[in-house]
Amino acid sequence: MAIYTPKISGSADEWAEIIAAIEAEGWALEHWSVWAHGNLMDADAYPVFRAR
């Protein structure tokens, strides 16, 4: 199974546009991955896509 995990930054509105563009290229949002930097107040979330 092919996966793609882009690093996305910006506002939530920009994320929606970026995710829609990635899905339009044949990828499906599978789940979100969250990585905490020592505490939950300092965390990053990454969308994980799978090839359709």
N, C-alpha and C. Protein backbone atom coordinates (compact mmCIF):
# COMPACT_ATOMS: atom_id res chain seq x y z
N MET A 1 0.84 -1.17 0.00
CA MET A 1 0.00 0.00 0.00
C MET A 1 0.89 1.24 0.00
N ALA A 2 0.65 2.14 -0.92
CA ALA A 2 1.40 3.38 -0.99
C ALA A 2 0.78 4.40 -0.04
N ILE A 3 1.62 5.12 0.71
CA ILE A 3 1.13 6.18 1.57
C ILE A 3 1.88 7.47 1.28
N TYR A 4 1.27 8.58 1.64
CA TYR A 4 1.85 9.90 1.42
C TYR A 4 1.54 10.73 2.65
N THR A 5 2.56 11.33 3.25
CA THR A 5 2.36 12.15 4.45
C THR A 5 3.02 13.51 4.24
N PRO A 6 2.28 14.48 3.71
CA PRO A 6 2.85 15.80 3.49
C PRO A 6 2.91 16.60 4.78
N LYS A 7 3.86 17.52 4.86
CA LYS A 7 3.90 18.45 5.98
C LYS A 7 3.16 19.70 5.51
N ILE A 8 2.02 19.97 6.14
CA ILE A 8 1.16 21.08 5.75
C ILE A 8 1.20 22.14 6.84
N SER A 9 1.30 23.41 6.43
CA SER A 9 1.22 24.49 7.40
C SER A 9 0.20 25.50 6.91
N GLY A 10 -0.17 26.44 7.77
CA GLY A 10 -1.13 27.45 7.40
C GLY A 10 -2.42 27.31 8.19
N SER A 11 -3.43 28.06 7.78
CA SER A 11 -4.71 28.05 8.48
C SER A 11 -5.53 26.82 8.13
N ALA A 12 -6.58 26.58 8.90
CA ALA A 12 -7.45 25.44 8.65
C ALA A 12 -8.11 25.55 7.28
N ASP A 13 -8.47 26.76 6.86
CA ASP A 13 -9.05 26.94 5.53
C ASP A 13 -8.07 26.52 4.44
N GLU A 14 -6.80 26.85 4.61
CA GLU A 14 -5.78 26.45 3.63
C GLU A 14 -5.60 24.94 3.64
N TRP A 15 -5.68 24.32 4.81
CA TRP A 15 -5.55 22.86 4.89
C TRP A 15 -6.64 22.19 4.08
N ALA A 16 -7.86 22.69 4.19
CA ALA A 16 -8.98 22.09 3.46
C ALA A 16 -8.73 22.13 1.96
N GLU A 17 -8.22 23.23 1.46
CA GLU A 17 -7.91 23.35 0.03
C GLU A 17 -6.79 22.40 -0.38
N ILE A 18 -5.76 22.31 0.44
CA ILE A 18 -4.62 21.43 0.13
C ILE A 18 -5.06 19.97 0.14
N ILE A 19 -5.83 19.57 1.15
CA ILE A 19 -6.32 18.19 1.23
C ILE A 19 -7.20 17.86 0.04
N ALA A 20 -8.08 18.78 -0.36
CA ALA A 20 -8.94 18.55 -1.52
C ALA A 20 -8.10 18.38 -2.79
N ALA A 21 -7.04 19.17 -2.93
CA ALA A 21 -6.17 19.05 -4.11
C ALA A 21 -5.44 17.71 -4.14
N ILE A 22 -4.98 17.25 -2.97
CA ILE A 22 -4.30 15.95 -2.90
C ILE A 22 -5.27 14.82 -3.23
N GLU A 23 -6.49 14.91 -2.70
CA GLU A 23 -7.50 13.89 -3.00
C GLU A 23 -7.88 13.90 -4.47
N ALA A 24 -7.87 15.06 -5.10
CA ALA A 24 -8.18 15.16 -6.53
C ALA A 24 -7.12 14.46 -7.39
N GLU A 25 -5.93 14.26 -6.82
CA GLU A 25 -4.85 13.58 -7.54
C GLU A 25 -4.85 12.07 -7.31
N GLY A 26 -5.89 11.55 -6.64
CA GLY A 26 -6.01 10.11 -6.48
C GLY A 26 -5.60 9.56 -5.13
N TRP A 27 -5.43 10.42 -4.14
CA TRP A 27 -5.09 9.97 -2.79
C TRP A 27 -6.32 10.11 -1.90
N ALA A 28 -6.45 9.25 -0.90
CA ALA A 28 -7.57 9.30 0.05
C ALA A 28 -7.01 9.55 1.45
N LEU A 29 -7.60 10.49 2.18
CA LEU A 29 -7.17 10.75 3.55
C LEU A 29 -7.49 9.51 4.39
N GLU A 30 -6.47 8.88 4.93
CA GLU A 30 -6.61 7.64 5.70
C GLU A 30 -6.84 7.95 7.18
N HIS A 31 -5.95 8.74 7.78
CA HIS A 31 -6.06 9.13 9.18
C HIS A 31 -5.08 10.26 9.47
N TRP A 32 -5.10 10.73 10.69
CA TRP A 32 -4.16 11.77 11.12
C TRP A 32 -3.16 11.14 12.07
N SER A 33 -1.91 11.57 11.97
CA SER A 33 -0.86 11.14 12.88
C SER A 33 -0.45 12.35 13.72
N VAL A 34 -0.35 12.17 15.02
CA VAL A 34 0.03 13.27 15.91
C VAL A 34 1.33 12.92 16.61
N TRP A 35 2.24 13.88 16.60
CA TRP A 35 3.54 13.68 17.25
C TRP A 35 3.72 14.79 18.27
N ALA A 36 3.84 14.43 19.55
CA ALA A 36 4.01 15.40 20.63
C ALA A 36 5.50 15.60 20.92
N HIS A 37 5.86 16.84 21.16
CA HIS A 37 7.25 17.20 21.48
C HIS A 37 7.41 17.34 22.98
N GLY A 38 7.21 16.29 23.70
CA GLY A 38 7.37 16.32 25.14
C GLY A 38 6.08 16.58 25.91
N ASN A 39 5.16 17.35 25.31
CA ASN A 39 3.86 17.55 25.96
C ASN A 39 2.83 17.83 24.87
N LEU A 40 1.57 17.67 25.20
CA LEU A 40 0.52 17.81 24.20
C LEU A 40 0.29 19.25 23.75
N MET A 41 0.82 20.21 24.49
CA MET A 41 0.67 21.61 24.09
C MET A 41 1.64 21.95 22.95
N ASP A 42 2.58 21.10 22.69
CA ASP A 42 3.56 21.31 21.63
C ASP A 42 3.56 20.06 20.74
N ALA A 43 2.55 19.99 19.86
CA ALA A 43 2.38 18.80 19.03
C ALA A 43 2.17 19.19 17.57
N ASP A 44 2.50 18.27 16.68
CA ASP A 44 2.26 18.44 15.25
C ASP A 44 1.31 17.35 14.79
N ALA A 45 0.41 17.68 13.86
CA ALA A 45 -0.50 16.70 13.28
C ALA A 45 -0.22 16.61 11.78
N TYR A 46 -0.15 15.40 11.28
CA TYR A 46 0.13 15.16 9.87
C TYR A 46 -0.97 14.30 9.26
N PRO A 47 -1.50 14.71 8.11
CA PRO A 47 -2.49 13.87 7.44
C PRO A 47 -1.75 12.71 6.74
N VAL A 48 -2.32 11.53 6.82
CA VAL A 48 -1.75 10.37 6.14
C VAL A 48 -2.72 9.94 5.06
N PHE A 49 -2.24 9.92 3.82
CA PHE A 49 -3.07 9.55 2.67
C PHE A 49 -2.65 8.18 2.16
N ARG A 50 -3.60 7.46 1.57
CA ARG A 50 -3.29 6.19 0.88
C ARG A 50 -3.69 6.34 -0.58
N ALA A 51 -2.99 5.63 -1.42
CA ALA A 51 -3.32 5.65 -2.85
C ALA A 51 -4.64 4.95 -3.06
N ARG A 52 -5.46 5.50 -3.93
CA ARG A 52 -6.75 4.85 -4.24
C ARG A 52 -6.56 3.79 -5.26
